[in-house]
N, C-alpha and C. Protein backbone atom coordinates (compact mmCIF):
# COMPACT_ATOMS: atom_id res chain seq x y z
N MET A 1 -11.73 -2.75 2.14
CA MET A 1 -11.40 -1.56 2.39
C MET A 1 -11.92 -1.14 3.62
N LYS A 2 -11.22 -0.61 4.54
CA LYS A 2 -11.86 0.09 5.73
C LYS A 2 -12.67 1.24 5.27
N GLU A 3 -13.65 1.52 6.13
CA GLU A 3 -14.69 2.64 5.76
C GLU A 3 -13.78 4.04 5.95
N TYR A 4 -12.97 4.14 6.94
CA TYR A 4 -12.21 5.38 6.93
C TYR A 4 -11.39 5.67 5.99
N ALA A 5 -10.91 4.63 5.16
CA ALA A 5 -9.81 4.75 4.26
C ALA A 5 -10.41 5.05 2.57
N LYS A 6 -11.84 4.88 2.54
CA LYS A 6 -12.31 4.87 1.29
C LYS A 6 -12.17 6.40 0.64
N LYS A 7 -12.23 7.26 1.33
CA LYS A 7 -11.99 8.82 0.67
C LYS A 7 -10.69 8.72 0.43
N PHE A 8 -9.46 8.32 1.09
CA PHE A 8 -8.11 8.51 0.47
C PHE A 8 -7.74 7.63 -0.61
N TYR A 9 -8.38 6.45 -0.40
CA TYR A 9 -7.85 5.61 -1.61
C TYR A 9 -8.51 5.87 -3.11
N THR A 10 -9.39 6.83 -3.02
CA THR A 10 -10.13 7.30 -4.18
C THR A 10 -9.75 8.54 -4.55
N SER A 11 -8.63 9.31 -3.65
CA SER A 11 -8.38 10.52 -3.75
C SER A 11 -7.56 10.65 -5.14
N ARG A 12 -7.40 11.80 -5.65
CA ARG A 12 -6.60 11.98 -6.77
C ARG A 12 -5.12 12.05 -6.38
N GLU A 13 -4.90 12.56 -5.01
CA GLU A 13 -3.26 12.35 -4.70
C GLU A 13 -2.81 10.98 -4.46
N TRP A 14 -3.51 10.27 -3.89
CA TRP A 14 -3.23 8.76 -4.03
C TRP A 14 -3.15 7.89 -5.04
N ARG A 15 -3.93 8.36 -6.34
CA ARG A 15 -3.92 7.79 -7.54
C ARG A 15 -2.70 8.19 -8.22
N ILE A 16 -2.36 9.56 -8.14
CA ILE A 16 -1.08 9.81 -8.86
C ILE A 16 0.21 9.16 -8.18
N THR A 17 0.09 9.35 -6.69
CA THR A 17 1.34 8.87 -5.90
C THR A 17 1.41 7.43 -6.34
N SER A 18 0.54 6.51 -6.19
CA SER A 18 0.59 5.10 -6.16
C SER A 18 0.93 4.78 -7.70
N ARG A 19 0.48 5.41 -8.67
CA ARG A 19 0.85 5.08 -10.31
C ARG A 19 2.35 5.57 -10.20
N LEU A 20 2.84 6.74 -9.82
CA LEU A 20 4.31 7.08 -9.86
C LEU A 20 5.09 6.01 -9.28
N TYR A 21 4.66 5.74 -8.07
CA TYR A 21 5.40 4.66 -7.43
C TYR A 21 5.74 3.40 -8.12
N MET A 22 4.61 2.88 -8.62
CA MET A 22 4.35 1.64 -9.22
C MET A 22 5.17 1.84 -10.59
N SER A 23 5.14 2.78 -11.39
CA SER A 23 6.10 3.08 -12.61
C SER A 23 7.52 2.96 -12.27
N SER A 24 8.00 3.81 -11.00
CA SER A 24 9.28 3.72 -10.67
C SER A 24 9.82 2.26 -10.31
N ILE A 25 9.13 1.39 -10.07
CA ILE A 25 9.60 -0.06 -9.73
C ILE A 25 9.41 -0.95 -11.04
N HIS A 26 8.65 -0.51 -11.91
CA HIS A 26 8.36 -1.19 -13.17
C HIS A 26 7.39 -2.21 -12.83
N TYR A 27 6.40 -2.09 -11.97
CA TYR A 27 5.41 -2.92 -11.60
C TYR A 27 6.15 -4.34 -11.40
N VAL A 28 7.28 -4.37 -10.73
CA VAL A 28 7.80 -5.74 -10.32
C VAL A 28 7.66 -5.80 -8.86
N CYS A 29 7.11 -6.98 -8.20
CA CYS A 29 6.80 -7.17 -6.99
C CYS A 29 8.32 -7.03 -6.14
N GLU A 30 8.24 -6.31 -5.15
CA GLU A 30 9.24 -6.16 -4.36
C GLU A 30 9.81 -7.31 -3.52
N ARG A 31 8.94 -8.20 -3.34
CA ARG A 31 9.33 -9.50 -2.62
C ARG A 31 9.68 -10.46 -3.19
N CYS A 32 8.75 -10.98 -4.34
CA CYS A 32 8.97 -12.12 -5.24
C CYS A 32 9.53 -11.89 -6.48
N GLY A 33 9.42 -10.79 -6.92
CA GLY A 33 9.88 -10.32 -8.39
C GLY A 33 8.81 -10.72 -9.52
N GLY A 34 7.53 -10.96 -9.00
CA GLY A 34 6.47 -11.18 -9.86
C GLY A 34 5.88 -9.85 -10.31
N VAL A 35 4.47 -9.89 -10.79
CA VAL A 35 4.04 -8.61 -11.36
C VAL A 35 3.23 -7.81 -10.15
N ALA A 36 3.94 -6.75 -10.01
CA ALA A 36 3.08 -6.04 -8.76
C ALA A 36 1.86 -5.54 -9.25
N GLU A 37 0.80 -5.36 -8.32
CA GLU A 37 -0.59 -5.01 -8.82
C GLU A 37 -0.98 -4.18 -7.61
N ILE A 38 -0.46 -4.21 -6.40
CA ILE A 38 -0.98 -3.34 -5.25
C ILE A 38 0.14 -2.50 -4.72
N CYS A 39 -0.25 -1.11 -4.50
CA CYS A 39 0.78 -0.48 -3.90
C CYS A 39 0.40 -0.22 -2.42
N HIS A 40 1.24 -1.02 -1.86
CA HIS A 40 0.93 -1.26 -0.28
C HIS A 40 1.76 -0.29 0.60
N HIS A 41 1.11 0.00 1.80
CA HIS A 41 1.72 0.85 2.56
C HIS A 41 2.54 0.11 3.71
N ARG A 42 3.84 0.36 3.63
CA ARG A 42 4.66 -0.32 4.80
C ARG A 42 4.26 -0.13 6.31
N LYS A 43 3.90 1.00 6.48
CA LYS A 43 3.52 1.40 7.98
C LYS A 43 1.86 1.54 7.53
N TYR A 44 1.15 0.69 8.13
CA TYR A 44 -0.16 0.72 7.83
C TYR A 44 -0.86 2.08 8.02
N ILE A 45 -1.98 2.26 7.28
CA ILE A 45 -2.75 3.48 7.21
C ILE A 45 -4.01 3.01 8.54
N THR A 46 -4.04 3.99 9.41
CA THR A 46 -4.99 3.80 10.61
C THR A 46 -5.94 5.22 10.43
N PRO A 47 -7.16 5.12 11.41
CA PRO A 47 -7.74 6.37 11.62
C PRO A 47 -6.93 7.39 12.18
N GLY A 48 -5.84 6.90 12.81
CA GLY A 48 -5.04 8.28 13.64
C GLY A 48 -4.01 8.84 12.55
N ASN A 49 -3.55 8.12 11.40
CA ASN A 49 -2.51 8.79 10.51
C ASN A 49 -3.25 8.91 9.26
N ILE A 50 -4.52 8.75 9.05
CA ILE A 50 -5.05 8.75 7.36
C ILE A 50 -4.63 10.01 6.91
N ASN A 51 -4.66 11.15 7.61
CA ASN A 51 -4.41 12.55 7.15
C ASN A 51 -3.21 13.00 7.10
N ASN A 52 -2.13 12.12 7.49
CA ASN A 52 -0.85 12.38 7.56
C ASN A 52 -0.04 12.07 6.13
N PRO A 53 0.35 13.00 5.28
CA PRO A 53 1.06 12.70 4.08
C PRO A 53 2.29 12.06 4.16
N ASP A 54 2.94 12.13 5.27
CA ASP A 54 4.20 11.79 5.71
C ASP A 54 4.02 10.18 5.68
N ILE A 55 3.00 9.66 5.96
CA ILE A 55 2.24 8.18 6.08
C ILE A 55 2.12 7.76 4.79
N THR A 56 0.87 8.46 4.33
CA THR A 56 -0.18 7.99 3.39
C THR A 56 0.49 8.32 1.85
N LEU A 57 1.31 9.54 1.68
CA LEU A 57 1.72 9.68 0.32
C LEU A 57 3.23 9.66 0.30
N ASN A 58 4.05 9.13 1.25
CA ASN A 58 5.38 9.16 1.33
C ASN A 58 5.98 7.86 0.50
N MET A 59 6.79 8.01 -0.50
CA MET A 59 7.24 6.95 -1.41
C MET A 59 7.85 6.09 -0.72
N ASP A 60 8.71 6.65 0.50
CA ASP A 60 9.43 5.73 1.36
C ASP A 60 8.68 4.74 2.20
N ASN A 61 7.52 5.02 2.05
CA ASN A 61 6.48 4.09 2.97
C ASN A 61 5.60 3.22 2.09
N LEU A 62 5.90 3.23 0.72
CA LEU A 62 5.28 2.25 -0.25
C LEU A 62 6.18 1.23 -0.55
N GLU A 63 5.46 0.15 -0.98
CA GLU A 63 5.97 -1.33 -1.57
C GLU A 63 5.05 -1.86 -2.59
N GLY A 64 5.74 -2.12 -3.87
CA GLY A 64 4.72 -2.77 -4.78
C GLY A 64 4.97 -4.20 -4.30
N LEU A 65 3.69 -4.69 -4.49
CA LEU A 65 3.40 -6.10 -4.20
C LEU A 65 2.52 -6.79 -5.22
N CYS A 66 2.86 -7.98 -5.52
CA CYS A 66 1.82 -8.98 -6.34
C CYS A 66 0.67 -9.29 -5.27
N MET A 67 -0.60 -9.88 -6.12
CA MET A 67 -1.61 -10.13 -4.88
C MET A 67 -0.95 -11.08 -4.00
N ASP A 68 -0.37 -12.21 -4.29
CA ASP A 68 -0.09 -13.30 -3.33
C ASP A 68 0.74 -12.67 -2.13
N CYS A 69 1.86 -11.98 -2.50
CA CYS A 69 2.57 -11.44 -1.54
C CYS A 69 1.71 -10.32 -0.61
N HIS A 70 0.80 -9.58 -1.32
CA HIS A 70 -0.01 -8.83 -0.52
C HIS A 70 -0.97 -9.65 0.35
N ASN A 71 -1.70 -10.61 0.01
CA ASN A 71 -2.43 -11.50 0.72
C ASN A 71 -1.71 -12.18 1.97
N LYS A 72 -0.43 -12.48 1.61
CA LYS A 72 0.42 -13.36 2.85
C LYS A 72 0.68 -12.26 3.77
N GLU A 73 0.92 -11.01 3.38
CA GLU A 73 1.38 -9.74 4.51
C GLU A 73 0.25 -9.70 5.33
N HIS A 74 -1.07 -9.37 4.70
CA HIS A 74 -2.26 -9.22 5.61
C HIS A 74 -2.60 -10.56 6.45
N LYS A 75 -2.39 -11.73 5.82
CA LYS A 75 -2.70 -12.97 6.77
C LYS A 75 -1.88 -12.98 7.85
N ARG A 76 -0.45 -12.61 7.53
CA ARG A 76 0.52 -12.60 8.62
C ARG A 76 0.37 -11.57 9.85
N LEU A 77 -0.35 -10.35 9.38
CA LEU A 77 -0.70 -9.26 10.16
C LEU A 77 -1.95 -9.96 11.07
N HIS A 78 -2.86 -10.57 10.39
CA HIS A 78 -4.04 -11.20 11.22
C HIS A 78 -3.65 -12.24 12.10
N LYS A 79 -2.73 -12.80 11.79
CA LYS A 79 -2.33 -14.07 12.74
C LYS A 79 -1.48 -13.33 13.98
N ARG A 80 -0.93 -12.24 13.84
CA ARG A 80 -0.15 -11.61 14.77
C ARG A 80 -1.15 -11.00 15.81
N ASN A 81 -2.29 -10.52 15.25
CA ASN A 81 -3.08 -9.81 16.30
C ASN A 81 -4.10 -10.91 16.91
N THR A 82 -3.97 -12.07 16.57
CA THR A 82 -5.15 -13.12 17.25
C THR A 82 -4.44 -13.85 18.31
């Protein structure tokens, strides 16, 4: 986890929002249908938007992913940036 995001990801607001979202999708991965374990932000959190609830706490910006799909997402991002 990036240092600038630690406070957000341990906040009460995030814990509530992520649990509500994951419950709403019944913990089913939205990409492969497996068991979702990660509440992922579609638009990534950055130092510039970390305090913007329209990004960080917006249910439309969330996606439930299993660990494999989450890892693939971040590997793909890393490959695009290299």
